[in-house]
């Protein structure tokens, strides 16, 4: 699957390159509304970041857990920037 995750205007960026939170939610949505089969429990591969020149992918496992889904994600990450946030 291919996904995009737009940032809050207050964050200073327009779009996150790759996000586990967006991919995890998409995985649960896919299992709930598109393909209820877990097909051997293979992970979904969700690619992101192509539009901002920072390609990446996340593996997502979404399995039934009661009335909801248990979601696990995996992928590789790299250091992009260090910053400090001060609360008023």
PDB file of N, CA and C in Angstrom:
ATOM      1  N   UNK A   1       0.846  -1.164   0.000  1.00  0.00           N
ATOM      2  CA  UNK A   1       0.000   0.000   0.000  1.00  0.00           C
ATOM      3  C   UNK A   1       0.895   1.232   0.000  1.00  0.00           C
ATOM      4  N   UNK A   2       0.367   2.331  -0.457  1.00  0.00           N
ATOM      5  CA  UNK A   2       1.087   3.597  -0.478  1.00  0.00           C
ATOM      6  C   UNK A   2       0.303   4.592   0.376  1.00  0.00           C
ATOM      7  N   UNK A   3       1.002   5.299   1.254  1.00  0.00           N
ATOM      8  CA  UNK A   3       0.316   6.218   2.161  1.00  0.00           C
ATOM      9  C   UNK A   3       1.053   7.555   2.237  1.00  0.00           C
ATOM     10  N   UNK A   4       0.330   8.553   2.726  1.00  0.00           N
ATOM     11  CA  UNK A   4       0.911   9.876   2.999  1.00  0.00           C
ATOM     12  C   UNK A   4       0.383  10.340   4.345  1.00  0.00           C
ATOM     13  N   UNK A   5       1.171  11.129   5.059  1.00  0.00           N
ATOM     14  CA  UNK A   5       0.757  11.632   6.368  1.00  0.00           C
ATOM     15  C   UNK A   5       1.134  13.098   6.449  1.00  0.00           C
ATOM     16  N   UNK A   6       0.126  13.948   6.398  1.00  0.00           N
ATOM     17  CA  UNK A   6       0.362  15.392   6.422  1.00  0.00           C
ATOM     18  C   UNK A   6       0.481  15.885   7.852  1.00  0.00           C
ATOM     19  N   UNK A   7       1.399  16.789   8.077  1.00  0.00           N
ATOM     20  CA  UNK A   7       1.704  17.299   9.404  1.00  0.00           C
ATOM     21  C   UNK A   7       0.831  18.485   9.758  1.00  0.00           C
ATOM     22  N   UNK A   8       0.842  18.795  11.031  1.00  0.00           N
ATOM     23  CA  UNK A   8       0.190  20.011  11.507  1.00  0.00           C
ATOM     24  C   UNK A   8       0.987  21.213  11.006  1.00  0.00           C
ATOM     25  N   UNK A   9       0.326  22.286  10.589  1.00  0.00           N
ATOM     26  CA  UNK A   9       1.054  23.473  10.144  1.00  0.00           C
ATOM     27  C   UNK A   9       1.997  24.019  11.224  1.00  0.00           C
ATOM     28  N   UNK A  10       1.680  23.781  12.493  1.00  0.00           N
ATOM     29  CA  UNK A  10       2.528  24.277  13.592  1.00  0.00           C
ATOM     30  C   UNK A  10       3.827  23.490  13.734  1.00  0.00           C
ATOM     31  N   UNK A  11       3.937  22.337  13.069  1.00  0.00           N
ATOM     32  CA  UNK A  11       5.124  21.494  13.224  1.00  0.00           C
ATOM     33  C   UNK A  11       6.320  21.999  12.422  1.00  0.00           C
ATOM     34  N   UNK A  12       6.079  22.863  11.458  1.00  0.00           N
ATOM     35  CA  UNK A  12       7.177  23.349  10.623  1.00  0.00           C
ATOM     36  C   UNK A  12       7.442  22.487   9.405  1.00  0.00           C
ATOM     37  N   UNK A  13       6.725  21.388   9.256  1.00  0.00           N
ATOM     38  CA  UNK A  13       6.860  20.534   8.072  1.00  0.00           C
ATOM     39  C   UNK A  13       5.487  20.360   7.441  1.00  0.00           C
ATOM     40  N   UNK A  14       5.479  20.078   6.159  1.00  0.00           N
ATOM     41  CA  UNK A  14       4.215  19.857   5.468  1.00  0.00           C
ATOM     42  C   UNK A  14       3.767  18.406   5.522  1.00  0.00           C
ATOM     43  N   UNK A  15       4.762  17.515   5.493  1.00  0.00           N
ATOM     44  CA  UNK A  15       4.425  16.090   5.419  1.00  0.00           C
ATOM     45  C   UNK A  15       5.515  15.277   6.096  1.00  0.00           C
ATOM     46  N   UNK A  16       5.109  14.284   6.891  1.00  0.00           N
ATOM     47  CA  UNK A  16       6.066  13.362   7.488  1.00  0.00           C
ATOM     48  C   UNK A  16       6.482  12.360   6.425  1.00  0.00           C
ATOM     49  N   UNK A  17       7.759  12.010   6.422  1.00  0.00           N
ATOM     50  CA  UNK A  17       8.246  11.062   5.424  1.00  0.00           C
ATOM     51  C   UNK A  17       7.649   9.667   5.648  1.00  0.00           C
ATOM     52  N   UNK A  18       7.862   9.097   6.817  1.00  0.00           N
ATOM     53  CA  UNK A  18       7.339   7.779   7.145  1.00  0.00           C
ATOM     54  C   UNK A  18       6.909   7.804   8.604  1.00  0.00           C
ATOM     55  N   UNK A  19       5.698   7.341   8.875  1.00  0.00           N
ATOM     56  CA  UNK A  19       5.208   7.352  10.253  1.00  0.00           C
ATOM     57  C   UNK A  19       4.602   6.012  10.629  1.00  0.00           C
ATOM     58  N   UNK A  20       5.016   5.510  11.767  1.00  0.00           N
ATOM     59  CA  UNK A  20       4.457   4.265  12.268  1.00  0.00           C
ATOM     60  C   UNK A  20       3.012   4.415  12.698  1.00  0.00           C
ATOM     61  N   UNK A  21       2.659   5.572  13.252  1.00  0.00           N
ATOM     62  CA  UNK A  21       1.287   5.755  13.706  1.00  0.00           C
ATOM     63  C   UNK A  21       0.320   5.740  12.529  1.00  0.00           C
ATOM     64  N   UNK A  22       0.649   6.430  11.459  1.00  0.00           N
ATOM     65  CA  UNK A  22      -0.223   6.441  10.281  1.00  0.00           C
ATOM     66  C   UNK A  22      -0.298   5.041   9.661  1.00  0.00           C
ATOM     67  N   UNK A  23       0.821   4.339   9.603  1.00  0.00           N
ATOM     68  CA  UNK A  23       0.837   3.002   9.012  1.00  0.00           C
ATOM     69  C   UNK A  23       0.063   2.007   9.863  1.00  0.00           C
ATOM     70  N   UNK A  24       0.177   2.107  11.178  1.00  0.00           N
ATOM     71  CA  UNK A  24      -0.547   1.202  12.067  1.00  0.00           C
ATOM     72  C   UNK A  24      -2.052   1.340  11.914  1.00  0.00           C
ATOM     73  N   UNK A  25      -2.531   2.572  11.869  1.00  0.00           N
ATOM     74  CA  UNK A  25      -3.960   2.817  11.700  1.00  0.00           C
ATOM     75  C   UNK A  25      -4.428   2.310  10.336  1.00  0.00           C
ATOM     76  N   UNK A  26      -3.627   2.536   9.303  1.00  0.00           N
ATOM     77  CA  UNK A  26      -3.986   2.057   7.969  1.00  0.00           C
ATOM     78  C   UNK A  26      -4.058   0.531   7.941  1.00  0.00           C
ATOM     79  N   UNK A  27      -3.143  -0.130   8.649  1.00  0.00           N
ATOM     80  CA  UNK A  27      -3.172  -1.591   8.714  1.00  0.00           C
ATOM     81  C   UNK A  27      -4.446  -2.117   9.356  1.00  0.00           C
ATOM     82  N   UNK A  28      -4.865  -1.506  10.459  1.00  0.00           N
ATOM     83  CA  UNK A  28      -6.105  -1.918  11.125  1.00  0.00           C
ATOM     84  C   UNK A  28      -7.317  -1.633  10.234  1.00  0.00           C
ATOM     85  N   UNK A  29      -7.318  -0.490   9.581  1.00  0.00           N
ATOM     86  CA  UNK A  29      -8.407  -0.140   8.669  1.00  0.00           C
ATOM     87  C   UNK A  29      -8.504  -1.162   7.526  1.00  0.00           C
ATOM     88  N   UNK A  30      -7.352  -1.516   6.960  1.00  0.00           N
ATOM     89  CA  UNK A  30      -7.312  -2.484   5.861  1.00  0.00           C
ATOM     90  C   UNK A  30      -7.913  -3.821   6.295  1.00  0.00           C
ATOM     91  N   UNK A  31      -7.498  -4.296   7.463  1.00  0.00           N
ATOM     92  CA  UNK A  31      -8.018  -5.578   7.952  1.00  0.00           C
ATOM     93  C   UNK A  31      -9.512  -5.509   8.263  1.00  0.00           C
ATOM     94  N   UNK A  32      -9.982  -4.401   8.748  1.00  0.00           N
ATOM     95  CA  UNK A  32     -11.392  -4.269   9.141  1.00  0.00           C
ATOM     96  C   UNK A  32     -12.316  -4.109   7.942  1.00  0.00           C
ATOM     97  N   UNK A  33     -11.915  -3.266   6.975  1.00  0.00           N
ATOM     98  CA  UNK A  33     -12.840  -2.896   5.911  1.00  0.00           C
ATOM     99  C   UNK A  33     -12.496  -3.422   4.519  1.00  0.00           C
ATOM    100  N   UNK A  34     -11.262  -3.822   4.291  1.00  0.00           N
ATOM    101  CA  UNK A  34     -10.867  -4.239   2.937  1.00  0.00           C
ATOM    102  C   UNK A  34     -10.612  -5.737   2.860  1.00  0.00           C
ATOM    103  N   UNK A  35      -9.783  -6.260   3.736  1.00  0.00           N
ATOM    104  CA  UNK A  35      -9.453  -7.692   3.694  1.00  0.00           C
ATOM    105  C   UNK A  35      -9.427  -8.251   5.106  1.00  0.00           C
ATOM    106  N   UNK A  36     -10.501  -8.914   5.478  1.00  0.00           N
ATOM    107  CA  UNK A  36     -10.577  -9.474   6.834  1.00  0.00           C
ATOM    108  C   UNK A  36      -9.679 -10.692   6.995  1.00  0.00           C
ATOM    109  N   UNK A  37      -9.283 -11.311   5.901  1.00  0.00           N
ATOM    110  CA  UNK A  37      -8.413 -12.478   5.957  1.00  0.00           C
ATOM    111  C   UNK A  37      -7.021 -12.056   6.416  1.00  0.00           C
ATOM    112  N   UNK A  38      -6.424 -12.872   7.276  1.00  0.00           N
ATOM    113  CA  UNK A  38      -5.055 -12.577   7.707  1.00  0.00           C
ATOM    114  C   UNK A  38      -4.034 -13.302   6.853  1.00  0.00           C
ATOM    115  N   UNK A  39      -4.468 -14.111   5.925  1.00  0.00           N
ATOM    116  CA  UNK A  39      -3.629 -14.775   4.922  1.00  0.00           C
ATOM    117  C   UNK A  39      -2.264 -15.205   5.435  1.00  0.00           C
ATOM    118  N   UNK A  40      -2.239 -16.114   6.374  1.00  0.00           N
ATOM    119  CA  UNK A  40      -0.969 -16.612   6.881  1.00  0.00           C
ATOM    120  C   UNK A  40      -0.243 -15.599   7.738  1.00  0.00           C
ATOM    121  N   UNK A  41      -0.951 -14.573   8.172  1.00  0.00           N
ATOM    122  CA  UNK A  41      -0.397 -13.536   9.050  1.00  0.00           C
ATOM    123  C   UNK A  41       0.802 -12.818   8.428  1.00  0.00           C
ATOM    124  N   UNK A  42       0.781 -12.659   7.122  1.00  0.00           N
ATOM    125  CA  UNK A  42       1.822 -11.901   6.435  1.00  0.00           C
ATOM    126  C   UNK A  42       1.633 -10.423   6.733  1.00  0.00           C
ATOM    127  N   UNK A  43       2.726  -9.672   6.879  1.00  0.00           N
ATOM    128  CA  UNK A  43       2.558  -8.238   7.153  1.00  0.00           C
ATOM    129  C   UNK A  43       2.138  -7.473   5.894  1.00  0.00           C
ATOM    130  N   UNK A  44       1.465  -6.379   6.109  1.00  0.00           N
ATOM    131  CA  UNK A  44       1.221  -5.435   5.022  1.00  0.00           C
ATOM    132  C   UNK A  44       2.484  -4.601   4.894  1.00  0.00           C
ATOM    133  N   UNK A  45       2.837  -4.231   3.697  1.00  0.00           N
ATOM    134  CA  UNK A  45       3.972  -3.334   3.480  1.00  0.00           C
ATOM    135  C   UNK A  45       3.389  -1.998   3.045  1.00  0.00           C
ATOM    136  N   UNK A  46       3.672  -0.962   3.818  1.00  0.00           N
ATOM    137  CA  UNK A  46       3.156   0.364   3.518  1.00  0.00           C
ATOM    138  C   UNK A  46       4.335   1.274   3.225  1.00  0.00           C
ATOM    139  N   UNK A  47       4.345   1.829   2.014  1.00  0.00           N
ATOM    140  CA  UNK A  47       5.431   2.728   1.611  1.00  0.00           C
ATOM    141  C   UNK A  47       4.977   4.168   1.781  1.00  0.00           C
ATOM    142  N   UNK A  48       5.930   5.014   2.158  1.00  0.00           N
ATOM    143  CA  UNK A  48       5.651   6.435   2.332  1.00  0.00           C
ATOM    144  C   UNK A  48       6.892   7.227   1.956  1.00  0.00           C
ATOM    145  N   UNK A  49       6.734   8.525   1.857  1.00  0.00           N
ATOM    146  CA  UNK A  49       7.864   9.439   1.717  1.00  0.00           C
ATOM    147  C   UNK A  49       8.340   9.718   0.314  1.00  0.00           C
ATOM    148  N   UNK A  50       7.785   9.081  -0.692  1.00  0.00           N
ATOM    149  CA  UNK A  50       8.255   9.282  -2.060  1.00  0.00           C
ATOM    150  C   UNK A  50       8.060  10.728  -2.517  1.00  0.00           C
ATOM    151  N   UNK A  51       6.955  11.328  -2.106  1.00  0.00           N
ATOM    152  CA  UNK A  51       6.637  12.694  -2.544  1.00  0.00           C
ATOM    153  C   UNK A  51       7.558  13.738  -1.929  1.00  0.00           C
ATOM    154  N   UNK A  52       8.201  13.404  -0.805  1.00  0.00           N
ATOM    155  CA  UNK A  52       9.102  14.367  -0.159  1.00  0.00           C
ATOM    156  C   UNK A  52      10.566  13.952  -0.296  1.00  0.00           C
ATOM    157  N   UNK A  53      10.839  12.968  -1.171  1.00  0.00           N
ATOM    158  CA  UNK A  53      12.213  12.554  -1.451  1.00  0.00           C
ATOM    159  C   UNK A  53      12.878  11.789  -0.319  1.00  0.00           C
ATOM    160  N   UNK A  54      12.091  11.162   0.573  1.00  0.00           N
ATOM    161  CA  UNK A  54      12.651  10.380   1.680  1.00  0.00           C
ATOM    162  C   UNK A  54      11.873   9.080   1.790  1.00  0.00           C
ATOM    163  N   UNK A  55      12.098   8.173   0.828  1.00  0.00           N
ATOM    164  CA  UNK A  55      11.334   6.943   0.727  1.00  0.00           C
ATOM    165  C   UNK A  55      11.588   6.021   1.915  1.00  0.00           C
ATOM    166  N   UNK A  56      10.552   5.315   2.287  1.00  0.00           N
ATOM    167  CA  UNK A  56      10.675   4.325   3.343  1.00  0.00           C
ATOM    168  C   UNK A  56       9.480   3.406   3.335  1.00  0.00           C
ATOM    169  N   UNK A  57       9.553   2.366   4.157  1.00  0.00           N
ATOM    170  CA  UNK A  57       8.426   1.451   4.255  1.00  0.00           C
ATOM    171  C   UNK A  57       8.295   0.944   5.685  1.00  0.00           C
ATOM    172  N   UNK A  58       7.091   0.545   6.013  1.00  0.00           N
ATOM    173  CA  UNK A  58       6.778   0.014   7.331  1.00  0.00           C
ATOM    174  C   UNK A  58       6.036  -1.299   7.135  1.00  0.00           C
ATOM    175  N   UNK A  59       6.412  -2.314   7.897  1.00  0.00           N
ATOM    176  CA  UNK A  59       5.674  -3.566   7.907  1.00  0.00           C
ATOM    177  C   UNK A  59       4.628  -3.459   9.013  1.00  0.00           C
ATOM    178  N   UNK A  60       3.403  -3.890   8.721  1.00  0.00           N
ATOM    179  CA  UNK A  60       2.314  -3.784   9.684  1.00  0.00           C
ATOM    180  C   UNK A  60       1.610  -5.129   9.812  1.00  0.00           C
ATOM    181  N   UNK A  61       1.483  -5.588  11.045  1.00  0.00           N
ATOM    182  CA  UNK A  61       0.689  -6.761  11.367  1.00  0.00           C
ATOM    183  C   UNK A  61      -0.517  -6.288  12.155  1.00  0.00           C
ATOM    184  N   UNK A  62      -1.719  -6.551  11.670  1.00  0.00           N
ATOM    185  CA  UNK A  62      -2.943  -6.184  12.374  1.00  0.00           C
ATOM    186  C   UNK A  62      -3.767  -7.463  12.533  1.00  0.00           C
ATOM    187  N   UNK A  63      -3.883  -7.945  13.755  1.00  0.00           N
ATOM    188  CA  UNK A  63      -4.600  -9.189  14.015  1.00  0.00           C
ATOM    189  C   UNK A  63      -5.783  -8.920  14.942  1.00  0.00           C
ATOM    190  N   UNK A  64      -6.839  -9.698  14.754  1.00  0.00           N
ATOM    191  CA  UNK A  64      -8.027  -9.545  15.582  1.00  0.00           C
ATOM    192  C   UNK A  64      -7.667  -9.747  17.047  1.00  0.00           C
ATOM    193  N   UNK A  65      -8.213  -8.875  17.894  1.00  0.00           N
ATOM    194  CA  UNK A  65      -8.010  -8.956  19.338  1.00  0.00           C
ATOM    195  C   UNK A  65      -9.310  -8.503  19.994  1.00  0.00           C
ATOM    196  N   UNK A  66     -10.154  -9.471  20.351  1.00  0.00           N
ATOM    197  CA  UNK A  66     -11.476  -9.133  20.863  1.00  0.00           C
ATOM    198  C   UNK A  66     -12.295  -8.493  19.757  1.00  0.00           C
ATOM    199  N   UNK A  67     -12.847  -7.329  20.022  1.00  0.00           N
ATOM    200  CA  UNK A  67     -13.621  -6.604  19.005  1.00  0.00           C
ATOM    201  C   UNK A  67     -12.767  -5.639  18.199  1.00  0.00           C
ATOM    202  N   UNK A  68     -11.490  -5.515  18.549  1.00  0.00           N
ATOM    203  CA  UNK A  68     -10.593  -4.594  17.852  1.00  0.00           C
ATOM    204  C   UNK A  68      -9.430  -5.333  17.221  1.00  0.00           C
ATOM    205  N   UNK A  69      -8.313  -4.645  17.071  1.00  0.00           N
ATOM    206  CA  UNK A  69      -7.129  -5.198  16.434  1.00  0.00           C
ATOM    207  C   UNK A  69      -5.895  -4.917  17.269  1.00  0.00           C
ATOM    208  N   UNK A  70      -5.010  -5.878  17.311  1.00  0.00           N
ATOM    209  CA  UNK A  70      -3.689  -5.682  17.894  1.00  0.00           C
ATOM    210  C   UNK A  70      -2.773  -5.340  16.723  1.00  0.00           C
ATOM    211  N   UNK A  71      -2.053  -4.246  16.824  1.00  0.00           N
ATOM    212  CA  UNK A  71      -1.225  -3.774  15.712  1.00  0.00           C
ATOM    213  C   UNK A  71       0.241  -3.763  16.131  1.00  0.00           C
ATOM    214  N   UNK A  72       1.089  -4.342  15.279  1.00  0.00           N
ATOM    215  CA  UNK A  72       2.541  -4.279  15.465  1.00  0.00           C
ATOM    216  C   UNK A  72       3.136  -3.673  14.202  1.00  0.00           C
ATOM    217  N   UNK A  73       4.175  -2.900  14.364  1.00  0.00           N
ATOM    218  CA  UNK A  73       4.848  -2.306  13.207  1.00  0.00           C
ATOM    219  C   UNK A  73       6.341  -2.563  13.312  1.00  0.00           C
ATOM    220  N   UNK A  74       7.004  -2.558  12.177  1.00  0.00           N
ATOM    221  CA  UNK A  74       8.455  -2.714  12.129  1.00  0.00           C
ATOM    222  C   UNK A  74       8.975  -1.969  10.918  1.00  0.00           C
ATOM    223  N   UNK A  75      10.210  -1.559  10.996  1.00  0.00           N
ATOM    224  CA  UNK A  75      10.851  -0.875   9.882  1.00  0.00           C
ATOM    225  C   UNK A  75      12.213  -0.367  10.314  1.00  0.00           C
ATOM    226  N   UNK A  76      12.857   0.315   9.458  1.00  0.00           N
ATOM    227  CA  UNK A  76      14.163   0.901   9.766  1.00  0.00           C
ATOM    228  C   UNK A  76      14.012   2.410   9.871  1.00  0.00           C
ATOM    229  N   UNK A  77      14.835   3.011  10.693  1.00  0.00           N
ATOM    230  CA  UNK A  77      14.783   4.460  10.875  1.00  0.00           C
ATOM    231  C   UNK A  77      16.189   5.027  10.803  1.00  0.00           C
ATOM    232  N   UNK A  78      16.275   6.317  10.538  1.00  0.00           N
ATOM    233  CA  UNK A  78      17.560   6.983  10.540  1.00  0.00           C
ATOM    234  C   UNK A  78      17.406   8.348  11.217  1.00  0.00           C
ATOM    235  N   UNK A  79      18.487   8.853  11.745  1.00  0.00           N
ATOM    236  CA  UNK A  79      18.486  10.154  12.399  1.00  0.00           C
ATOM    237  C   UNK A  79      18.299  11.244  11.355  1.00  0.00           C
ATOM    238  N   UNK A  80      17.388  12.168  11.609  1.00  0.00           N
ATOM    239  CA  UNK A  80      17.142  13.255  10.675  1.00  0.00           C
ATOM    240  C   UNK A  80      17.550  14.587  11.273  1.00  0.00           C
ATOM    241  N   UNK A  81      17.092  14.851  12.480  1.00  0.00           N
ATOM    242  CA  UNK A  81      17.343  16.153  13.078  1.00  0.00           C
ATOM    243  C   UNK A  81      17.161  16.067  14.584  1.00  0.00           C
ATOM    244  N   UNK A  82      17.940  16.830  15.305  1.00  0.00           N
ATOM    245  CA  UNK A  82      17.774  16.913  16.750  1.00  0.00           C
ATOM    246  C   UNK A  82      17.222  18.287  17.087  1.00  0.00           C
ATOM    247  N   UNK A  83      16.229  18.322  17.975  1.00  0.00           N
ATOM    248  CA  UNK A  83      15.690  19.606  18.387  1.00  0.00           C
ATOM    249  C   UNK A  83      15.213  19.502  19.816  1.00  0.00           C
ATOM    250  N   UNK A  84      15.097  20.636  20.443  1.00  0.00           N
ATOM    251  CA  UNK A  84      14.624  20.727  21.817  1.00  0.00           C
ATOM    252  C   UNK A  84      13.330  21.509  21.848  1.00  0.00           C
ATOM    253  N   UNK A  85      12.366  20.996  22.572  1.00  0.00           N
ATOM    254  CA  UNK A  85      11.082  21.666  22.668  1.00  0.00           C
ATOM    255  C   UNK A  85      10.909  22.139  24.102  1.00  0.00           C
ATOM    256  N   UNK A  86      10.665  23.414  24.255  1.00  0.00           N
ATOM    257  CA  UNK A  86      10.458  24.000  25.588  1.00  0.00           C
ATOM    258  C   UNK A  86       9.004  24.350  25.761  1.00  0.00           C
ATOM    259  N   UNK A  87       8.450  23.932  26.878  1.00  0.00           N
ATOM    260  CA  UNK A  87       7.054  24.267  27.169  1.00  0.00           C
ATOM    261  C   UNK A  87       7.006  25.604  27.903  1.00  0.00           C
ATOM    262  N   UNK A  88       6.019  26.419  27.584  1.00  0.00           N
ATOM    263  CA  UNK A  88       5.918  27.734  28.244  1.00  0.00           C
ATOM    264  C   UNK A  88       5.550  27.611  29.714  1.00  0.00           C
TER     265      UNK A  88
END
